Amino acid sequence: MSRTPALSRRTLLRGMGALMALPLLDIMRPGTARAATPAPRRFVAFYTPCGIHMPKWTPGGEGAEWSLTPTLASLAPVKGDVLVLSGLDNLPGRPDGDGHHAAATAAFLSCVKARKTEGTNIRTGISMDQVLARAVGAATRYPSLELGIDQGKGIGNCDSGYACPYANNIAWAGPSTPVPKETKPRAAFERLFADFDPNVTQAELAKRKAYGLSIIDAVRDDAKALQGKLGTTDQRKLDEYFTGVRELELRVNAMDASGPSCGTSISPGDTEDVREKTKAMLDLIVLAFQCDLTRTCTFMLGNARSQRVYSFLGLSSEHHAYSHHQRVQANYDALAKIDKWEVEQFSYLLQRMKGVQEESGTLLDHSAVYFSSEIADGNMHEHKNLPILLAGRAGGAIAPGRHLRYGGQPLANLYIALLHMFGVPATTFGDDGTGPLPRLGA
């Protein structure tokens, strides 16, 4: 049997100035490789700002005997795919004086204490996702993908003397080098799925623009030629992928149509509706994984000290203001609505990943999907017992469907364990990581 695949994994569909990546197909791997090589593992870090109201978060029971709380109710369809981890602390996230949100966000994936400064002499540590990207990123077009909802300021003071890069970034390529996130769905979509062929003529580009052709229309001839070479399974995968890309493109186009107008400052492809924007970004993550464009992704549902007003939840004040609840029941109720909505977005991502079939499992089976906030209680700015979910099976390395309690172990130990799952032999991490967190596997 030939060991040479009939189609390169780097193959791009071309047409009318467009370049479009393909999902991972069986034809891209010879039969011997398909039998011997497992599907690639992926990692997502999903950040939510301002902490969580823990009384409505923490499940009762341990091990497999645990029940969903009101905040976690939307996880019901994927409960068996999720670990709830209690009792993990990120003490390097504590600030010097005030500035808990920015300092803890800087340490969210680095577990390194951030230098307090409003200037350009920022310093924290390399984030876990970037350590992973260095190890596995060469296998994909993009070593890592950084997405988010809110852009935020790039300079200045964003939290009690802590510079804005600390508050607005969780991915750090080095101690002083944040990796900026893309916050515009249109820009992210075109970067991932609608690149322009540098060899195309201006006439071809003008024709595509004049006819308003979708990326699918632009590469249709190439796609038809490819489909004639595919088996039944690959044809199904390609059809599902094209459907997903086209549906997402239509939604991004709808954001364009309802977005900017005279007197507004909304960028094309952006939207004031955080609900649509969030789902578009999460769908981009799923499609990027399907194409094996990247295996490492971070997503920020908001920046530290989020000022978002969740009017669609019936709320009138900013998220950060509610997080300083002062033990007022009305603020607890508002936080419960926000927390529940945030977990619903995470559940949406998990269900989308679970719906993608791959070799010997689903995309979710082959992934580790991490959810947390920079702090626990927003009123006390608590850096202990953080709200943490870990979903997926990471190719068999994780045994989900349980609630595990840890007695104040460092969050950095979870990151060491995750790095091990991806073949990175870390022994320490951040300021306080001492070894891999136990009990995540079977």
Protein backbone atom coordinates (compact mmCIF):
# COMPACT_ATOMS: atom_id res chain seq x y z
CA MET A 1 0.00 0.00 0.00
CA SER A 2 1.31 3.43 -0.92
CA ARG A 3 2.53 5.64 1.88
CA THR A 4 2.13 8.77 -0.25
CA PRO A 5 -1.17 10.61 0.24
CA ALA A 6 -3.15 11.40 -2.90
CA LEU A 7 -3.69 14.97 -1.69
CA SER A 8 -1.43 17.22 0.35
CA ARG A 9 -2.75 18.56 3.65
CA ARG A 10 -1.59 21.99 2.49
CA THR A 11 -3.86 21.92 -0.58
CA LEU A 12 -5.88 25.10 -1.11
CA LEU A 13 -8.89 25.56 -3.35
CA ARG A 14 -8.42 28.47 -5.75
CA GLY A 15 -10.65 30.63 -7.89
CA MET A 16 -11.28 34.26 -8.81
CA GLY A 17 -8.52 35.48 -6.55
CA ALA A 18 -9.57 33.44 -3.52
CA LEU A 19 -7.70 30.79 -1.57
CA MET A 20 -9.64 28.43 0.68
CA ALA A 21 -8.28 25.86 3.11
CA LEU A 22 -9.68 22.33 3.26
CA PRO A 23 -10.70 20.19 6.22
CA LEU A 24 -8.57 17.20 7.13
CA LEU A 25 -9.66 14.46 4.71
CA ASP A 26 -8.87 10.75 4.53
CA ILE A 27 -7.37 11.27 1.08
CA MET A 28 -4.71 13.44 2.72
CA ARG A 29 -3.40 10.42 4.61
CA PRO A 30 -2.47 7.04 3.12
CA GLY A 31 -4.30 4.04 4.53
CA THR A 32 -1.36 2.94 6.67
CA ALA A 33 -1.09 6.37 8.23
CA ARG A 34 -4.83 6.56 8.95
CA ALA A 35 -4.61 3.32 10.86
CA ALA A 36 -1.48 4.27 12.80
CA THR A 37 -1.83 8.01 13.36
CA PRO A 38 -4.47 9.35 15.75
CA ALA A 39 -6.32 12.57 15.04
CA PRO A 40 -4.43 15.67 16.19
CA ARG A 41 -5.14 17.06 19.65
CA ARG A 42 -6.37 20.63 20.05
CA PHE A 43 -6.47 23.11 22.91
CA VAL A 44 -8.83 26.01 23.59
CA ALA A 45 -8.67 28.48 26.48
CA PHE A 46 -12.00 30.27 27.01
CA TYR A 47 -11.73 33.34 29.26
CA THR A 48 -14.61 35.15 30.95
CA PRO A 49 -14.06 38.39 32.92
CA CYS A 50 -14.99 39.60 36.41
CA GLY A 51 -15.21 36.25 38.16
CA ILE A 52 -18.19 33.99 38.86
CA HIS A 53 -20.80 33.93 41.63
CA MET A 54 -19.52 30.69 43.15
CA PRO A 55 -22.56 29.61 45.26
CA LYS A 56 -24.52 29.00 42.04
CA TRP A 57 -21.52 27.49 40.26
CA THR A 58 -20.07 24.79 42.50
CA PRO A 59 -21.72 21.36 42.15
CA GLY A 60 -22.56 19.15 45.05
CA GLY A 61 -21.07 15.68 45.05
CA GLU A 62 -17.74 14.45 43.76
CA GLY A 63 -16.44 12.07 41.17
CA ALA A 64 -19.11 10.86 38.78
CA GLU A 65 -21.85 11.62 41.33
CA TRP A 66 -22.40 15.31 40.75
CA SER A 67 -25.28 17.41 39.55
CA LEU A 68 -25.50 20.52 37.42
CA THR A 69 -26.06 23.79 39.26
CA PRO A 70 -28.23 26.62 37.87
CA THR A 71 -25.18 28.32 36.36
CA LEU A 72 -24.00 25.10 34.71
CA ALA A 73 -27.45 23.93 33.54
CA SER A 74 -26.71 24.48 29.84
CA LEU A 75 -23.98 21.84 30.01
CA ALA A 76 -26.61 19.08 30.25
CA PRO A 77 -26.11 17.86 26.63
CA VAL A 78 -22.34 17.54 27.23
CA LYS A 79 -22.21 16.77 30.97
CA GLY A 80 -20.39 13.52 30.28
CA ASP A 81 -17.72 15.43 28.37
CA VAL A 82 -16.90 17.92 31.14
CA LEU A 83 -14.71 17.97 34.24
CA VAL A 84 -15.49 20.50 36.96
CA LEU A 85 -12.29 21.30 38.84
CA SER A 86 -12.59 22.90 42.28
CA GLY A 87 -9.86 24.08 44.63
CA LEU A 88 -7.23 25.36 42.18
CA ASP A 89 -5.50 28.65 43.02
CA ASN A 90 -3.63 31.18 40.89
CA LEU A 91 -1.78 33.14 43.56
CA PRO A 92 0.64 34.77 41.07
CA GLY A 93 -2.43 36.68 39.87
CA ARG A 94 -2.49 38.73 43.06
CA PRO A 95 -1.53 42.37 42.40
CA ASP A 96 0.67 44.80 44.26
CA GLY A 97 -2.07 46.80 45.93
CA ASP A 98 -5.13 47.26 43.74
CA GLY A 99 -5.49 46.05 40.16
CA HIS A 100 -6.75 42.50 40.73
CA HIS A 101 -8.51 42.11 37.38
CA ALA A 102 -5.62 43.13 35.12
CA ALA A 103 -2.95 41.39 37.18
CA ALA A 104 -4.92 38.15 37.29
CA THR A 105 -5.77 38.32 33.59
CA ALA A 106 -2.07 38.68 32.77
CA ALA A 107 -1.46 35.57 34.89
CA PHE A 108 -4.50 33.70 33.53
CA LEU A 109 -2.41 31.41 31.30
CA SER A 110 1.08 32.39 32.46
CA CYS A 111 0.82 31.93 36.25
CA VAL A 112 3.50 34.62 36.55
CA LYS A 113 3.13 37.76 38.67
CA ALA A 114 2.82 40.82 36.43
CA ARG A 115 5.04 43.85 36.99
CA LYS A 116 2.90 46.79 38.10
CA THR A 117 3.32 49.51 35.51
CA GLU A 118 1.23 51.82 33.37
CA GLY A 119 4.04 52.16 30.86
CA THR A 120 5.62 50.05 28.16
CA ASN A 121 7.89 48.11 30.53
CA ILE A 122 5.29 45.38 30.99
CA ARG A 123 6.43 41.98 32.15
CA THR A 124 4.68 38.72 33.01
CA GLY A 125 5.49 35.27 31.59
CA ILE A 126 4.98 33.19 28.46
CA SER A 127 1.47 31.76 28.46
CA MET A 128 0.74 28.06 28.42
CA ASP A 129 -0.94 28.25 24.99
CA GLN A 130 2.20 29.79 23.49
CA VAL A 131 4.42 27.11 25.02
CA LEU A 132 2.09 24.63 23.34
CA ALA A 133 2.14 26.56 20.06
CA ARG A 134 5.93 26.41 19.98
CA ALA A 135 5.75 22.64 20.36
CA VAL A 136 2.97 21.77 17.91
CA GLY A 137 2.45 24.90 15.82
CA ALA A 138 4.84 23.98 13.01
CA ALA A 139 2.38 21.30 11.86
CA THR A 140 -0.31 23.85 10.96
CA ARG A 141 -0.70 27.02 8.94
CA TYR A 142 -1.15 29.12 12.08
CA PRO A 143 0.79 28.14 15.22
CA SER A 144 -2.00 29.65 17.32
CA LEU A 145 -5.23 31.60 16.95
CA GLU A 146 -6.28 34.45 19.24
CA LEU A 147 -9.87 35.67 19.12
CA GLY A 148 -12.00 37.88 21.33
CA ILE A 149 -15.00 40.17 21.57
CA ASP A 150 -13.63 43.48 22.88
CA GLN A 151 -10.51 45.16 21.54
CA GLY A 152 -9.67 47.57 24.34
CA LYS A 153 -6.86 50.11 24.58
CA GLY A 154 -3.31 49.14 23.70
CA ILE A 155 -1.56 51.54 26.06
CA GLY A 156 -2.12 53.38 29.30
CA ASN A 157 -3.61 52.49 32.66
CA CYS A 158 -6.54 50.06 32.57
CA ASP A 159 -6.73 48.90 36.19
CA SER A 160 -5.31 50.75 39.21
CA GLY A 161 -1.84 51.23 37.76
CA TYR A 162 -1.70 48.10 35.60
CA ALA A 163 -1.16 48.68 31.89
CA CYS A 164 -3.87 47.88 29.37
CA PRO A 165 -2.02 44.97 27.70
CA TYR A 166 -2.39 43.05 30.97
CA ALA A 167 -6.16 43.56 30.94
CA ASN A 168 -6.74 42.83 27.26
CA ASN A 169 -4.56 39.79 26.52
CA ILE A 170 -4.25 36.25 27.84
CA ALA A 171 -1.80 35.00 25.18
CA TRP A 172 1.83 36.02 25.74
CA ALA A 173 4.61 34.94 23.37
CA GLY A 174 7.18 36.19 25.88
CA PRO A 175 7.30 38.08 29.18
CA SER A 176 6.86 41.45 27.44
CA THR A 177 5.10 40.34 24.25
CA PRO A 178 1.33 39.94 24.29
CA VAL A 179 -0.19 38.25 21.24
CA PRO A 180 -3.00 40.56 20.07
CA LYS A 181 -6.41 39.00 19.53
CA GLU A 182 -8.63 39.51 16.49
CA THR A 183 -11.96 41.02 17.51
CA LYS A 184 -13.59 41.51 14.09
CA PRO A 185 -15.42 38.44 12.72
CA ARG A 186 -14.98 39.60 9.12
CA ALA A 187 -11.22 39.96 9.48
CA ALA A 188 -10.93 36.60 11.22
CA PHE A 189 -13.07 34.87 8.59
CA GLU A 190 -11.11 36.26 5.67
CA ARG A 191 -7.78 35.49 7.31
CA LEU A 192 -8.76 31.86 7.88
CA PHE A 193 -10.99 30.96 4.94
CA ALA A 194 -10.88 33.64 2.26
CA ASP A 195 -7.27 34.55 1.62
CA PHE A 196 -6.39 36.26 -1.62
CA ASP A 197 -4.12 34.60 -4.17
CA PRO A 198 -1.05 36.84 -4.59
CA ASN A 199 -0.74 35.67 -8.21
CA VAL A 200 -4.24 36.71 -9.26
CA THR A 201 -4.90 39.61 -11.60
CA GLN A 202 -6.72 42.74 -10.54
CA ALA A 203 -9.38 41.94 -13.15
CA GLU A 204 -10.22 38.66 -11.44
CA LEU A 205 -10.41 40.35 -8.05
CA ALA A 206 -12.68 43.04 -9.48
CA LYS A 207 -14.96 40.42 -11.02
CA ARG A 208 -15.40 38.59 -7.74
CA LYS A 209 -16.14 41.83 -5.91
CA ALA A 210 -18.56 43.06 -8.59
CA TYR A 211 -20.61 39.88 -8.48
CA GLY A 212 -20.55 39.71 -4.69
CA LEU A 213 -19.43 36.09 -4.85
CA SER A 214 -19.02 34.05 -1.70
CA ILE A 215 -15.81 32.19 -1.01
CA ILE A 216 -17.65 28.95 -1.92
CA ASP A 217 -18.74 30.39 -5.28
CA ALA A 218 -15.25 31.65 -6.01
CA VAL A 219 -13.62 28.23 -5.63
CA ARG A 220 -16.52 26.20 -7.03
CA ASP A 221 -14.66 24.85 -10.09
CA ASP A 222 -11.73 23.66 -7.99
CA ALA A 223 -14.15 22.13 -5.49
CA LYS A 224 -16.03 20.18 -8.16
CA ALA A 225 -12.79 18.81 -9.55
CA LEU A 226 -11.73 17.70 -6.07
CA GLN A 227 -15.06 16.07 -5.22
CA GLY A 228 -14.68 13.74 -8.18
CA LYS A 229 -11.60 12.26 -6.51
CA LEU A 230 -13.12 11.72 -3.07
CA GLY A 231 -14.68 8.72 -1.42
CA THR A 232 -18.07 8.81 0.27
CA THR A 233 -16.73 9.74 3.72
CA ASP A 234 -14.58 12.58 2.41
CA GLN A 235 -17.43 13.90 0.27
CA ARG A 236 -19.63 14.06 3.38
CA LYS A 237 -16.89 15.85 5.33
CA LEU A 238 -16.40 18.35 2.53
CA ASP A 239 -20.14 19.00 2.17
CA GLU A 240 -20.49 19.59 5.92
CA TYR A 241 -17.49 21.89 5.88
CA PHE A 242 -18.76 23.94 2.92
CA THR A 243 -22.15 24.24 4.61
CA GLY A 244 -20.52 25.48 7.81
CA VAL A 245 -18.33 28.00 6.01
CA ARG A 246 -21.21 29.32 3.91
CA GLU A 247 -23.55 29.67 6.90
CA LEU A 248 -20.86 31.53 8.82
CA GLU A 249 -20.11 33.76 5.84
CA LEU A 250 -23.80 34.66 5.56
CA ARG A 251 -23.92 35.56 9.24
CA VAL A 252 -20.80 37.72 8.95
CA ASN A 253 -22.35 39.41 5.90
CA ALA A 254 -25.50 40.06 7.91
CA MET A 255 -23.37 41.73 10.58
CA ASP A 256 -21.95 43.97 7.85
CA ALA A 257 -25.44 44.89 6.68
CA SER A 258 -26.72 45.74 10.15
CA GLY A 259 -23.51 47.24 11.46
CA PRO A 260 -22.01 50.57 10.46
CA SER A 261 -23.95 53.64 9.44
CA CYS A 262 -23.29 57.38 9.38
CA GLY A 263 -22.26 58.52 12.82
CA THR A 264 -21.35 55.08 14.18
CA SER A 265 -17.90 53.71 14.91
CA ILE A 266 -18.65 50.01 14.41
CA SER A 267 -16.21 48.39 12.00
CA PRO A 268 -17.47 46.33 9.02
CA GLY A 269 -18.11 42.76 10.06
CA ASP A 270 -18.37 43.83 13.68
CA THR A 271 -21.62 44.11 15.57
CA GLU A 272 -23.05 45.55 18.72
CA ASP A 273 -24.89 42.29 19.33
CA VAL A 274 -22.47 40.30 21.45
CA ARG A 275 -24.64 37.22 21.00
CA GLU A 276 -24.15 37.01 17.23
CA LYS A 277 -20.52 38.07 17.42
CA THR A 278 -19.71 35.43 20.04
CA LYS A 279 -21.29 32.60 18.07
CA ALA A 280 -19.49 33.69 14.92
CA MET A 281 -16.14 33.64 16.71
CA LEU A 282 -16.81 30.23 18.25
CA ASP A 283 -17.82 28.82 14.87
CA LEU A 284 -14.55 30.14 13.47
CA ILE A 285 -12.67 28.14 16.09
CA VAL A 286 -14.48 24.94 15.13
CA LEU A 287 -13.90 25.42 11.41
CA ALA A 288 -10.23 26.30 11.97
CA PHE A 289 -9.80 23.02 13.83
CA GLN A 290 -11.67 21.10 11.12
CA CYS A 291 -9.19 22.43 8.57
CA ASP A 292 -6.25 21.77 10.88
CA LEU A 293 -5.31 25.43 10.38
CA THR A 294 -4.27 25.57 14.03
CA ARG A 295 -4.34 23.35 17.10
CA THR A 296 -4.13 26.04 19.77
CA CYS A 297 -6.66 28.81 20.35
CA THR A 298 -7.52 31.40 22.97
CA PHE A 299 -10.84 33.22 23.22
CA MET A 300 -11.71 36.20 25.42
CA LEU A 301 -15.43 36.77 25.97
CA GLY A 302 -14.51 40.18 27.38
CA ASN A 303 -11.56 42.12 28.75
CA ALA A 304 -10.68 42.49 32.42
CA ARG A 305 -13.03 44.81 34.33
CA SER A 306 -15.62 44.34 31.60
CA GLN A 307 -17.88 47.36 31.17
CA ARG A 308 -20.40 45.47 29.05
CA VAL A 309 -24.07 46.14 29.80
CA TYR A 310 -26.09 42.97 29.20
CA SER A 311 -29.30 44.72 28.21
CA PHE A 312 -30.58 41.60 26.42
CA LEU A 313 -30.57 39.89 29.83
CA GLY A 314 -32.67 42.70 31.26
CA LEU A 315 -29.73 44.33 33.05
CA SER A 316 -28.89 48.03 33.14
CA SER A 317 -25.48 48.27 34.84
CA GLU A 318 -22.01 47.16 33.78
CA HIS A 319 -20.72 43.66 34.44
CA HIS A 320 -17.86 44.91 36.59
CA ALA A 321 -20.23 46.94 38.74
CA TYR A 322 -22.40 43.89 39.42
CA SER A 323 -19.32 41.82 40.26
CA HIS A 324 -18.77 44.13 43.25
CA HIS A 325 -22.01 42.79 44.61
CA GLN A 326 -21.64 44.03 48.21
CA ARG A 327 -23.75 41.01 49.17
CA VAL A 328 -26.84 42.63 47.68
CA GLN A 329 -29.36 40.09 46.38
CA ALA A 330 -30.21 42.11 43.26
CA ASN A 331 -26.54 42.04 42.28
CA TYR A 332 -26.37 38.29 42.94
CA ASP A 333 -29.35 37.84 40.65
CA ALA A 334 -27.72 39.93 37.91
CA LEU A 335 -24.47 37.97 38.17
CA ALA A 336 -26.38 34.70 37.97
CA LYS A 337 -27.84 35.81 34.63
CA ILE A 338 -24.46 36.85 33.25
CA ASP A 339 -22.68 33.72 34.49
CA LYS A 340 -25.39 31.49 33.05
CA TRP A 341 -25.14 33.20 29.67
CA GLU A 342 -21.35 32.85 29.64
CA VAL A 343 -21.56 29.11 30.32
CA GLU A 344 -24.19 28.81 27.58
CA GLN A 345 -21.63 30.15 25.11
CA PHE A 346 -19.11 27.59 26.30
CA SER A 347 -21.71 24.85 25.96
CA TYR A 348 -22.44 26.03 22.41
CA LEU A 349 -18.76 25.63 21.52
CA LEU A 350 -18.63 22.15 23.05
CA GLN A 351 -21.75 20.98 21.24
CA ARG A 352 -20.44 22.30 17.93
CA MET A 353 -17.16 20.44 18.49
CA LYS A 354 -19.00 17.28 19.49
CA GLY A 355 -20.92 17.41 16.22
CA VAL A 356 -17.76 17.20 14.09
CA GLN A 357 -16.86 13.59 13.31
CA GLU A 358 -13.20 12.67 12.92
CA GLU A 359 -11.15 9.51 12.76
CA SER A 360 -12.17 7.36 15.77
CA GLY A 361 -14.18 10.03 17.55
CA THR A 362 -15.31 13.63 17.46
CA LEU A 363 -13.42 16.90 17.44
CA LEU A 364 -14.34 17.30 21.11
CA ASP A 365 -12.95 13.84 21.90
CA HIS A 366 -9.60 14.95 20.51
CA SER A 367 -9.52 18.30 22.32
CA ALA A 368 -8.95 19.86 25.73
CA VAL A 369 -11.25 22.87 26.14
CA TYR A 370 -10.57 25.02 29.20
CA PHE A 371 -12.98 27.55 30.74
CA SER A 372 -12.26 29.93 33.61
CA SER A 373 -12.16 33.52 34.83
CA GLU A 374 -9.28 35.56 36.22
CA ILE A 375 -10.77 35.48 39.73
CA ALA A 376 -13.50 33.66 41.62
CA ASP A 377 -15.63 36.07 43.66
CA GLY A 378 -15.55 39.55 42.08
CA ASN A 379 -16.35 41.41 45.28
CA MET A 380 -13.50 39.87 47.28
CA HIS A 381 -11.16 39.58 44.27
CA GLU A 382 -10.50 35.99 45.28
CA HIS A 383 -7.64 34.20 43.52
CA LYS A 384 -8.32 30.86 45.20
CA ASN A 385 -10.79 28.12 44.26
CA LEU A 386 -11.20 29.43 40.73
CA PRO A 387 -14.20 28.45 38.57
CA ILE A 388 -12.76 25.90 36.15
CA LEU A 389 -14.20 23.58 33.52
CA LEU A 390 -12.13 21.22 31.39
CA ALA A 391 -14.00 19.57 28.54
CA GLY A 392 -13.12 16.94 25.97
CA ARG A 393 -10.93 13.86 26.19
CA ALA A 394 -7.68 15.10 24.63
CA GLY A 395 -7.39 11.90 22.64
CA GLY A 396 -7.93 9.71 25.71
CA ALA A 397 -5.79 11.64 28.19
CA ILE A 398 -8.81 13.08 30.05
CA ALA A 399 -11.61 11.11 31.70
CA PRO A 400 -14.47 13.65 31.84
CA GLY A 401 -17.88 13.53 33.45
CA ARG A 402 -16.62 14.15 36.99
CA HIS A 403 -16.29 16.82 39.66
CA LEU A 404 -12.80 16.81 41.17
CA ARG A 405 -11.77 18.71 44.28
CA TYR A 406 -8.20 19.82 44.91
CA GLY A 407 -7.06 21.29 48.20
CA GLY A 408 -5.51 24.52 47.00
CA GLN A 409 -3.12 23.16 44.38
CA PRO A 410 -1.58 25.67 41.96
CA LEU A 411 -3.43 26.28 38.72
CA ALA A 412 -0.02 26.02 37.05
CA ASN A 413 -0.06 22.29 37.79
CA LEU A 414 -3.12 21.93 35.56
CA TYR A 415 -1.17 23.60 32.76
CA ILE A 416 1.74 21.22 33.28
CA ALA A 417 -0.67 18.29 32.98
CA LEU A 418 -2.17 19.75 29.80
CA LEU A 419 1.27 20.27 28.29
CA HIS A 420 2.08 16.63 29.02
CA MET A 421 -1.06 15.59 27.12
CA PHE A 422 0.37 17.31 24.05
CA GLY A 423 3.80 15.77 24.43
CA VAL A 424 5.53 18.75 26.05
CA PRO A 425 7.73 17.41 28.89
CA ALA A 426 7.35 20.34 31.31
CA THR A 427 8.36 19.79 34.94
CA THR A 428 7.61 23.31 36.19
CA PHE A 429 5.51 26.20 34.93
CA GLY A 430 5.01 29.82 35.93
CA ASP A 431 5.89 30.99 39.42
CA ASP A 432 4.46 28.07 41.38
CA GLY A 433 3.94 25.05 39.13
CA THR A 434 5.61 21.99 40.61
CA GLY A 435 4.27 19.04 38.62
CA PRO A 436 1.28 17.71 36.70
CA LEU A 437 -2.13 17.89 38.34
CA PRO A 438 -3.24 14.33 39.14
CA ARG A 439 -6.52 12.47 38.50
CA LEU A 440 -7.46 14.07 35.19
CA GLY A 441 -7.25 10.74 33.39
CA ALA A 442 -9.02 7.47 34.01
